[in-house]
C-alpha atoms as a PDB file:
ATOM      1  CA  MET A   1       0.000   0.000   0.000  1.00  0.00           C
ATOM      2  CA  SER A   2       1.412   3.392  -0.908  1.00  0.00           C
ATOM      3  CA  ASN A   3       1.584   6.474   1.255  1.00  0.00           C
ATOM      4  CA  ALA A   4      -0.896   8.176  -1.082  1.00  0.00           C
ATOM      5  CA  ALA A   5      -3.521   5.539  -0.277  1.00  0.00           C
ATOM      6  CA  LEU A   6      -2.989   6.001   3.459  1.00  0.00           C
ATOM      7  CA  THR A   7      -3.170   9.776   3.162  1.00  0.00           C
ATOM      8  CA  ALA A   8      -6.488   9.568   1.326  1.00  0.00           C
ATOM      9  CA  LYS A   9      -8.076   7.633   4.213  1.00  0.00           C
ATOM     10  CA  THR A  10      -6.801   9.945   6.959  1.00  0.00           C
ATOM     11  CA  PRO A  11      -9.523  12.678   6.826  1.00  0.00           C
ATOM     12  CA  GLY A  12     -12.288  10.120   7.402  1.00  0.00           C
ATOM     13  CA  ASN A  13     -10.414   8.623  10.336  1.00  0.00           C
ATOM     14  CA  TRP A  14      -9.870  12.041  11.905  1.00  0.00           C
ATOM     15  CA  THR A  15     -13.539  12.891  11.491  1.00  0.00           C
ATOM     16  CA  GLN A  16     -14.558   9.739  13.321  1.00  0.00           C
ATOM     17  CA  LEU A  17     -11.931  10.258  16.020  1.00  0.00           C
ATOM     18  CA  ASN A  18     -12.992  13.881  16.534  1.00  0.00           C
ATOM     19  CA  LYS A  19     -16.605  12.748  16.916  1.00  0.00           C
ATOM     20  CA  GLN A  20     -15.590  10.122  19.471  1.00  0.00           C
ATOM     21  CA  ILE A  21     -13.528  12.671  21.396  1.00  0.00           C
ATOM     22  CA  THR A  22     -16.462  15.088  21.451  1.00  0.00           C
ATOM     23  CA  GLN A  23     -18.756  12.344  22.757  1.00  0.00           C
ATOM     24  CA  ALA A  24     -16.200  11.294  25.377  1.00  0.00           C
ATOM     25  CA  LYS A  25     -15.802  14.889  26.589  1.00  0.00           C
ATOM     26  CA  ALA A  26     -19.577  15.269  26.906  1.00  0.00           C
ATOM     27  CA  LEU A  27     -19.756  12.033  28.899  1.00  0.00           C
ATOM     28  CA  MET A  28     -16.927  13.197  31.172  1.00  0.00           C
ATOM     29  CA  ARG A  29     -18.738  16.502  31.845  1.00  0.00           C
ATOM     30  CA  GLN A  30     -21.912  14.593  32.715  1.00  0.00           C
ATOM     31  CA  MET A  31     -20.000  12.221  35.000  1.00  0.00           C
ATOM     32  CA  ARG A  32     -18.238  15.153  36.690  1.00  0.00           C
ATOM     33  CA  ARG A  33     -21.599  16.817  37.427  1.00  0.00           C
ATOM     34  CA  THR A  34     -22.951  13.541  38.802  1.00  0.00           C
ATOM     35  CA  VAL A  35     -19.947  13.115  41.105  1.00  0.00           C
ATOM     36  CA  GLU A  36     -20.323  16.719  42.299  1.00  0.00           C
ATOM     37  CA  ASP A  37     -24.007  16.101  43.048  1.00  0.00           C
ATOM     38  CA  ILE A  38     -23.128  12.975  45.028  1.00  0.00           C
ATOM     39  CA  GLU A  39     -20.469  14.876  46.986  1.00  0.00           C
ATOM     40  CA  ASP A  40     -22.994  17.640  47.746  1.00  0.00           C
ATOM     41  CA  ALA A  41     -25.529  15.069  48.953  1.00  0.00           C
ATOM     42  CA  ARG A  42     -22.901  13.479  51.208  1.00  0.00           C
ATOM     43  CA  THR A  43     -22.008  16.875  52.655  1.00  0.00           C
ATOM     44  CA  ILE A  44     -25.653  17.641  53.390  1.00  0.00           C
ATOM     45  CA  GLU A  45     -26.228  14.257  55.037  1.00  0.00           C
ATOM     46  CA  HIS A  46     -23.074  14.653  57.110  1.00  0.00           C
ATOM     47  CA  ALA A  47     -24.230  18.080  58.294  1.00  0.00           C
ATOM     48  CA  LYS A  48     -27.649  16.689  59.203  1.00  0.00           C
ATOM     49  CA  ARG A  49     -26.084  13.896  61.270  1.00  0.00           C
ATOM     50  CA  ALA A  50     -23.647  16.297  62.922  1.00  0.00           C
ATOM     51  CA  ASN A  51     -26.470  18.631  63.979  1.00  0.00           C
ATOM     52  CA  GLY A  52     -28.657  15.821  65.231  1.00  0.00           C
ATOM     53  CA  ARG A  53     -31.906  17.132  66.661  1.00  0.00           C
ATOM     54  CA  LYS A  54     -30.775  20.726  66.981  1.00  0.00           C
ATOM     55  CA  SER A  55     -33.361  23.168  65.732  1.00  0.00           C
ATOM     56  CA  ARG A  56     -32.900  24.474  62.235  1.00  0.00           C
ATOM     57  CA  ILE A  57     -33.608  27.900  60.810  1.00  0.00           C
ATOM     58  CA  PRO A  58     -37.092  28.030  59.275  1.00  0.00           C
ATOM     59  CA  TRP A  59     -37.224  28.623  55.514  1.00  0.00           C
ATOM     60  CA  ALA A  60     -39.350  31.743  55.984  1.00  0.00           C
ATOM     61  CA  GLN A  61     -36.630  33.309  58.111  1.00  0.00           C
ATOM     62  CA  VAL A  62     -33.895  32.394  55.645  1.00  0.00           C
ATOM     63  CA  LYS A  63     -35.908  33.805  52.763  1.00  0.00           C
ATOM     64  CA  LYS A  64     -36.536  37.021  54.664  1.00  0.00           C
ATOM     65  CA  GLU A  65     -32.818  37.413  55.464  1.00  0.00           C
ATOM     66  CA  LEU A  66     -31.769  36.756  51.871  1.00  0.00           C
ATOM     67  CA  GLN A  67     -34.225  39.131  50.223  1.00  0.00           C
ATOM     68  CA  LEU A  68     -32.511  42.186  48.832  1.00  0.00           C
ATOM     69  CA  ASP A  69     -34.420  45.408  49.208  1.00  0.00           C
END
């Protein structure tokens, strides 16, 4: 097989590889978000266990404090 024959096939291979890389990057972003969500959930559960039965701030109070006038 000559080098000219190999060169002719290269653009198609690169197109397929670029598509696969794009798909892999999208999957990695989705997995990263999922891992971050799991870490957030763990943090929240840990905080709940650490606080036990201590009273929490009511949502109405939090909302009132966060409202910008």
